[in-house]
C-alpha atoms as a PDB file:
ATOM      1  CA  MET A   1      32.057 101.576   4.029  1.00  0.00           C
ATOM      2  CA  PHE A   2      33.382 101.787   7.621  1.00  0.00           C
ATOM      3  CA  ASN A   3      31.777 101.936  11.091  1.00  0.00           C
ATOM      4  CA  ILE A   4      32.185 104.707  13.600  1.00  0.00           C
ATOM      5  CA  GLY A   5      29.780 104.153  16.466  1.00  0.00           C
ATOM      6  CA  THR A   6      26.307 104.141  15.000  1.00  0.00           C
ATOM      7  CA  LEU A   7      27.335 105.879  11.826  1.00  0.00           C
ATOM      8  CA  TYR A   8      28.346 104.291   8.552  1.00  0.00           C
ATOM      9  CA  TYR A   9      29.896 106.245   5.744  1.00  0.00           C
ATOM     10  CA  ALA A  10      29.189 105.157   2.245  1.00  0.00           C
ATOM     11  CA  GLU A  11      29.495 106.967  -0.989  1.00  0.00           C
ATOM     12  CA  ASN A  12      30.198 110.258   0.784  1.00  0.00           C
ATOM     13  CA  ARG A  13      27.002 110.252   2.807  1.00  0.00           C
ATOM     14  CA  VAL A  14      26.317 109.439   6.406  1.00  0.00           C
ATOM     15  CA  ILE A  15      23.817 106.693   7.169  1.00  0.00           C
ATOM     16  CA  LYS A  16      22.422 106.678  10.758  1.00  0.00           C
ATOM     17  CA  MET A  17      21.671 103.032  11.572  1.00  0.00           C
ATOM     18  CA  ILE A  18      20.316 103.627  15.120  1.00  0.00           C
ATOM     19  CA  VAL A  19      17.844 106.194  16.052  1.00  0.00           C
ATOM     20  CA  TYR A  20      16.369 107.096  19.396  1.00  0.00           C
ATOM     21  CA  ASP A  21      12.864 107.987  18.286  1.00  0.00           C
ATOM     22  CA  PRO A  22      11.326 105.333  20.598  1.00  0.00           C
ATOM     23  CA  PHE A  23      13.050 106.946  23.633  1.00  0.00           C
ATOM     24  CA  TRP A  24      11.106 110.269  23.203  1.00  0.00           C
ATOM     25  CA  LYS A  25       7.825 108.381  22.820  1.00  0.00           C
ATOM     26  CA  THR A  26       8.547 106.360  25.946  1.00  0.00           C
ATOM     27  CA  MET A  27       9.483 109.483  27.912  1.00  0.00           C
ATOM     28  CA  LYS A  28       6.327 111.188  26.896  1.00  0.00           C
ATOM     29  CA  GLU A  29       4.283 108.096  27.910  1.00  0.00           C
ATOM     30  CA  ARG A  30       5.975 107.988  31.311  1.00  0.00           C
ATOM     31  CA  GLY A  31       5.482 111.754  31.787  1.00  0.00           C
ATOM     32  CA  LEU A  32       9.246 112.392  32.001  1.00  0.00           C
ATOM     33  CA  THR A  33      10.907 115.532  30.625  1.00  0.00           C
ATOM     34  CA  THR A  34      14.460 116.306  29.658  1.00  0.00           C
ATOM     35  CA  TYR A  35      14.474 118.843  32.419  1.00  0.00           C
ATOM     36  CA  GLN A  36      13.729 116.111  34.989  1.00  0.00           C
ATOM     37  CA  LEU A  37      16.427 113.859  33.426  1.00  0.00           C
ATOM     38  CA  ILE A  38      19.000 116.578  33.906  1.00  0.00           C
ATOM     39  CA  ASN A  39      17.906 118.085  37.220  1.00  0.00           C
ATOM     40  CA  ARG A  40      16.402 115.113  39.130  1.00  0.00           C
ATOM     41  CA  HIS A  41      18.312 112.211  37.701  1.00  0.00           C
ATOM     42  CA  GLY A  42      21.677 113.751  36.979  1.00  0.00           C
ATOM     43  CA  TYR A  43      22.050 113.215  33.274  1.00  0.00           C
ATOM     44  CA  SER A  44      24.081 115.791  31.416  1.00  0.00           C
ATOM     45  CA  SER A  45      22.760 118.085  28.702  1.00  0.00           C
ATOM     46  CA  HIS A  46      25.404 116.514  26.480  1.00  0.00           C
ATOM     47  CA  THR A  47      23.767 113.135  26.865  1.00  0.00           C
ATOM     48  CA  ILE A  48      20.364 114.623  26.001  1.00  0.00           C
ATOM     49  CA  HIS A  49      22.023 116.223  22.889  1.00  0.00           C
ATOM     50  CA  ARG A  50      23.456 112.855  21.867  1.00  0.00           C
ATOM     51  CA  LEU A  51      20.074 111.228  22.119  1.00  0.00           C
ATOM     52  CA  ARG A  52      18.267 114.140  20.348  1.00  0.00           C
ATOM     53  CA  HIS A  53      20.731 113.975  17.447  1.00  0.00           C
ATOM     54  CA  ASN A  54      20.943 110.162  17.219  1.00  0.00           C
ATOM     55  CA  LYS A  55      24.577 110.117  18.224  1.00  0.00           C
ATOM     56  CA  GLY A  56      26.241 106.985  19.674  1.00  0.00           C
ATOM     57  CA  ILE A  57      25.697 106.195  23.399  1.00  0.00           C
ATOM     58  CA  SER A  58      26.930 103.369  25.648  1.00  0.00           C
ATOM     59  CA  THR A  59      25.192 100.199  26.398  1.00  0.00           C
ATOM     60  CA  SER A  60      25.544 101.196  30.034  1.00  0.00           C
ATOM     61  CA  LEU A  61      23.484 104.340  29.383  1.00  0.00           C
ATOM     62  CA  ILE A  62      20.904 102.311  27.539  1.00  0.00           C
ATOM     63  CA  ASN A  63      20.718  99.982  30.571  1.00  0.00           C
ATOM     64  CA  GLU A  64      20.330 102.970  32.948  1.00  0.00           C
ATOM     65  CA  LEU A  65      17.520 104.523  30.812  1.00  0.00           C
ATOM     66  CA  CYS A  66      15.687 101.135  30.664  1.00  0.00           C
ATOM     67  CA  ILE A  67      15.808 100.805  34.507  1.00  0.00           C
ATOM     68  CA  LEU A  68      14.750 104.497  34.927  1.00  0.00           C
ATOM     69  CA  LEU A  69      11.822 104.267  32.483  1.00  0.00           C
ATOM     70  CA  GLY A  70      10.860 100.679  33.331  1.00  0.00           C
ATOM     71  CA  CYS A  71      11.193  99.551  29.741  1.00  0.00           C
ATOM     72  CA  ARG A  72      13.075  97.422  27.280  1.00  0.00           C
ATOM     73  CA  GLY A  73      15.791  98.385  24.793  1.00  0.00           C
ATOM     74  CA  GLU A  74      13.344  98.594  21.894  1.00  0.00           C
ATOM     75  CA  ASP A  75      11.606 101.296  23.808  1.00  0.00           C
ATOM     76  CA  ILE A  76      14.815 103.295  23.697  1.00  0.00           C
ATOM     77  CA  LEU A  77      16.333 102.744  20.328  1.00  0.00           C
ATOM     78  CA  LEU A  78      15.437 101.544  16.848  1.00  0.00           C
ATOM     79  CA  PHE A  79      17.714  99.865  14.335  1.00  0.00           C
ATOM     80  CA  LEU A  80      16.994 100.967  10.813  1.00  0.00           C
ATOM     81  CA  PRO A  81      18.702  99.150   7.984  1.00  0.00           C
ATOM     82  CA  GLU A  82      19.865 101.450   5.216  1.00  0.00           C
ATOM     83  CA  THR A  83      16.891 100.550   3.022  1.00  0.00           C
ATOM     84  CA  GLU A  84      14.390 101.564   5.708  1.00  0.00           C
ATOM     85  CA  LYS A  85      16.351 104.691   6.552  1.00  0.00           C
ATOM     86  CA  ASN A  86      16.249 105.864   2.976  1.00  0.00           C
ATOM     87  CA  LYS A  87      12.420 105.939   3.258  1.00  0.00           C
ATOM     88  CA  ARG A  88      12.671 108.407   6.205  1.00  0.00           C
ATOM     89  CA  SER A  89      14.122 111.892   6.160  1.00  0.00           C
ATOM     90  CA  VAL A  90      17.291 112.171   8.143  1.00  0.00           C
END
């Protein structure tokens, strides 16, 4: 098994350890849309794509999003150990 960002490869399958499901919930609670993130706050559509598909992002971006949304890290991302991830559909 080896690490590449938030992905681990084991036995020819990809295990996503970090997901951004809480981010979408927090955005909805704050009444913020992806359109607003892109057009008012200057985030790229590529960044939105990375979040939507649970790709790796920088801690700097996590910090910016926490400041923008007035929240904590756990309101942006969720760490799922492999055993929990197996219970969810990827």
